[in-house]
Amino acid sequence: MIPHGVDTTRFHPGVATDYRRRHGIPAEAFVVITVGSICYWHKRTDHVIREVAAVPGAWLLVVGQETADTPAIRALGQQLMPGRIVFDSLPHSDLPQAYAAADVFTLGSLHDTFGIVYIGAMAMGLPVVCTHHPNQRQIVLQGVFVDMQAPGALTSALCNRSLEQWRALGKDA
């Protein structure tokens, strides 16, 4: 049991979801999810949008609490990824539905004290792409670690693996 608590009876691979259908996401689309406050300063949602926008055909799910930054970040997403980005605020109980619709989890943070969303993503069987900070290396272990400050690093990580490779990494989560 992780001290912060991830209920693995709710967060686990194989959760049935119609999230893609409800949001018009093609079944064959490559979908990246980020979960956290929709902001510039810590979760760096704008960075994630810029990086995923450069991945041909990729969709992005941005799930989290709104902040004062959210309207500008939504506008950036619509500008860079028209028709391929979904913004959503969900109660914690509905998060497994969104995770289950994704192929890869990422977070733009440069550091997190713990990062419960990493644990939730891994419990769902999602591969994680995150910063190379020591805290994240201790939490994630079997992930893809990038320099989240380096433009193009996340894009490169997302483009340099096949869907089969991502799924295998997710099983290791």
Protein backbone atom coordinates (compact mmCIF):
# COMPACT_ATOMS: atom_id res chain seq x y z
CA MET A 1 0.00 0.00 0.00
CA ILE A 2 1.38 3.36 -1.01
CA PRO A 3 1.09 5.77 1.94
CA HIS A 4 -0.94 8.27 -0.13
CA GLY A 5 -3.28 5.48 -1.16
CA VAL A 6 -4.18 4.32 -4.64
CA ASP A 7 -7.15 2.01 -4.57
CA THR A 8 -6.06 -0.80 -6.88
CA THR A 9 -9.58 -2.19 -6.93
CA ARG A 10 -10.49 0.94 -8.93
CA PHE A 11 -7.14 1.78 -10.57
CA HIS A 12 -6.07 -1.29 -12.53
CA PRO A 13 -5.51 -2.43 -16.12
CA GLY A 14 -8.64 -3.44 -17.98
CA VAL A 15 -11.02 -0.78 -16.64
CA ALA A 16 -13.87 -0.56 -19.14
CA THR A 17 -14.34 2.94 -20.51
CA ASP A 18 -16.22 4.78 -23.20
CA TYR A 19 -14.16 7.93 -22.67
CA ARG A 20 -12.74 7.93 -26.20
CA ARG A 21 -16.18 7.52 -27.77
CA ARG A 22 -17.71 10.25 -25.59
CA HIS A 23 -14.99 12.69 -26.63
CA GLY A 24 -14.78 11.75 -30.31
CA ILE A 25 -11.30 10.22 -30.08
CA PRO A 26 -10.67 7.58 -32.76
CA ALA A 27 -10.15 4.06 -31.41
CA GLU A 28 -6.79 3.79 -33.21
CA ALA A 29 -5.45 7.18 -32.02
CA PHE A 30 -2.29 7.43 -29.92
CA VAL A 31 -3.48 9.14 -26.72
CA VAL A 32 -1.34 10.83 -24.09
CA ILE A 33 -2.80 11.88 -20.75
CA THR A 34 -1.60 14.41 -18.19
CA VAL A 35 -3.35 14.80 -14.84
CA GLY A 36 -2.92 17.68 -12.42
CA SER A 37 -3.60 21.36 -11.97
CA ILE A 38 -3.89 23.03 -15.36
CA CYS A 39 -1.19 25.64 -14.86
CA TYR A 40 2.10 27.08 -16.06
CA TRP A 41 4.04 27.25 -12.83
CA HIS A 42 4.30 23.69 -11.50
CA LYS A 43 2.59 21.10 -13.69
CA ARG A 44 3.73 22.97 -16.80
CA THR A 45 0.67 21.97 -18.82
CA ASP A 46 1.65 24.39 -21.59
CA HIS A 47 4.95 22.51 -22.04
CA VAL A 48 3.11 19.18 -22.34
CA ILE A 49 0.76 20.67 -24.95
CA ARG A 50 3.64 22.03 -27.05
CA GLU A 51 5.50 18.73 -26.91
CA VAL A 52 2.53 16.44 -27.65
CA ALA A 53 1.34 18.78 -30.43
CA ALA A 54 4.57 17.95 -32.28
CA VAL A 55 3.78 14.20 -32.23
CA PRO A 56 2.03 13.43 -35.53
CA GLY A 57 -1.60 12.47 -34.98
CA ALA A 58 -1.35 12.26 -31.18
CA TRP A 59 -4.25 13.23 -28.96
CA LEU A 60 -3.86 14.78 -25.52
CA LEU A 61 -6.14 14.46 -22.51
CA VAL A 62 -5.61 17.25 -19.99
CA VAL A 63 -7.42 16.26 -16.82
CA GLY A 64 -7.25 18.38 -13.72
CA GLN A 65 -8.23 21.28 -11.59
CA GLU A 66 -8.63 24.65 -13.22
CA THR A 67 -6.47 27.60 -12.17
CA ALA A 68 -6.18 31.21 -13.27
CA ASP A 69 -3.88 29.94 -16.05
CA THR A 70 -6.43 27.51 -17.49
CA PRO A 71 -8.16 29.80 -20.04
CA ALA A 72 -4.84 30.72 -21.69
CA ILE A 73 -3.67 27.10 -21.62
CA ARG A 74 -6.96 25.96 -23.20
CA ALA A 75 -6.48 28.55 -25.94
CA LEU A 76 -2.92 27.30 -26.55
CA GLY A 77 -4.20 23.73 -26.78
CA GLN A 78 -6.92 24.64 -29.26
CA GLN A 79 -4.41 26.61 -31.33
CA LEU A 80 -1.72 23.90 -31.45
CA MET A 81 -3.92 20.78 -31.41
CA PRO A 82 -7.29 21.69 -32.88
CA GLY A 83 -9.62 18.71 -32.62
CA ARG A 84 -6.96 16.55 -30.89
CA ILE A 85 -7.09 17.84 -27.31
CA VAL A 86 -9.61 17.26 -24.53
CA PHE A 87 -9.73 19.30 -21.32
CA ASP A 88 -11.63 17.73 -18.46
CA SER A 89 -12.16 18.10 -14.73
CA LEU A 90 -13.22 14.84 -13.13
CA PRO A 91 -13.93 13.70 -9.62
CA HIS A 92 -11.25 11.34 -8.33
CA SER A 93 -13.68 8.42 -8.61
CA ASP A 94 -13.90 8.94 -12.41
CA LEU A 95 -10.15 9.23 -13.09
CA PRO A 96 -9.77 5.53 -14.00
CA GLN A 97 -12.09 6.15 -16.97
CA ALA A 98 -9.76 8.80 -18.38
CA TYR A 99 -6.58 6.83 -17.65
CA ALA A 100 -8.07 3.78 -19.37
CA ALA A 101 -8.57 5.83 -22.55
CA ALA A 102 -4.86 6.68 -22.80
CA ASP A 103 -1.77 4.92 -24.11
CA VAL A 104 0.86 6.93 -22.20
CA PHE A 105 0.92 9.14 -19.11
CA THR A 106 3.14 12.19 -18.75
CA LEU A 107 3.53 15.12 -16.41
CA GLY A 108 5.44 18.29 -17.25
CA SER A 109 6.63 18.94 -13.70
CA LEU A 110 10.34 19.39 -13.12
CA HIS A 111 9.95 17.93 -9.63
CA ASP A 112 7.21 16.59 -7.37
CA THR A 113 7.45 15.69 -3.72
CA PHE A 114 5.60 12.47 -4.39
CA GLY A 115 3.33 12.63 -7.43
CA ILE A 116 0.35 10.40 -6.69
CA VAL A 117 -0.72 10.66 -10.34
CA TYR A 118 2.32 8.61 -11.35
CA ILE A 119 1.16 5.80 -9.06
CA GLY A 120 -2.39 6.03 -10.40
CA ALA A 121 -1.13 5.82 -13.99
CA MET A 122 1.12 2.86 -13.24
CA ALA A 123 -1.66 1.07 -11.37
CA MET A 124 -3.71 1.43 -14.57
CA GLY A 125 -0.89 -0.21 -16.55
CA LEU A 126 0.17 2.99 -18.31
CA PRO A 127 3.79 3.69 -19.18
CA VAL A 128 5.04 6.93 -17.60
CA VAL A 129 7.20 9.62 -19.18
CA CYS A 130 8.46 12.08 -16.59
CA THR A 131 11.30 14.28 -15.50
CA HIS A 132 14.61 12.71 -14.51
CA HIS A 133 14.44 14.16 -10.97
CA PRO A 134 15.58 11.74 -8.21
CA ASN A 135 12.11 11.69 -6.58
CA GLN A 136 10.48 10.55 -9.81
CA ARG A 137 13.18 7.94 -10.41
CA GLN A 138 12.43 6.45 -6.97
CA ILE A 139 8.68 6.45 -7.58
CA VAL A 140 8.42 5.39 -11.21
CA LEU A 141 11.42 3.03 -11.56
CA GLN A 142 10.30 1.52 -14.92
CA GLY A 143 9.52 4.67 -16.88
CA VAL A 144 11.00 6.93 -19.50
CA PHE A 145 12.91 9.79 -17.90
CA VAL A 146 13.56 12.97 -19.88
CA ASP A 147 14.85 16.47 -19.28
CA MET A 148 11.48 18.23 -19.14
CA GLN A 149 13.28 21.57 -19.49
CA ALA A 150 14.73 20.62 -22.87
CA PRO A 151 12.49 21.55 -25.79
CA GLY A 152 11.75 18.45 -27.86
CA ALA A 153 12.78 15.88 -25.23
CA LEU A 154 9.23 14.77 -24.47
CA THR A 155 8.29 14.82 -28.16
CA SER A 156 11.29 12.66 -28.99
CA ALA A 157 10.48 10.18 -26.22
CA LEU A 158 6.89 9.87 -27.44
CA CYS A 159 7.92 9.42 -31.08
CA ASN A 160 10.75 6.94 -30.55
CA ARG A 161 8.67 3.94 -29.44
CA SER A 162 5.99 1.88 -31.10
CA LEU A 163 2.61 1.31 -29.48
CA GLU A 164 3.71 -2.25 -28.75
CA GLN A 165 6.81 -0.96 -26.94
CA TRP A 166 4.66 1.46 -24.93
CA ARG A 167 2.30 -1.37 -23.95
CA ALA A 168 5.21 -3.54 -22.83
CA LEU A 169 6.55 -0.71 -20.70
CA GLY A 170 3.08 -0.22 -19.22
CA LYS A 171 2.99 -3.87 -18.15
CA ASP A 172 6.24 -3.29 -16.26
CA ALA A 173 4.60 -0.38 -14.43
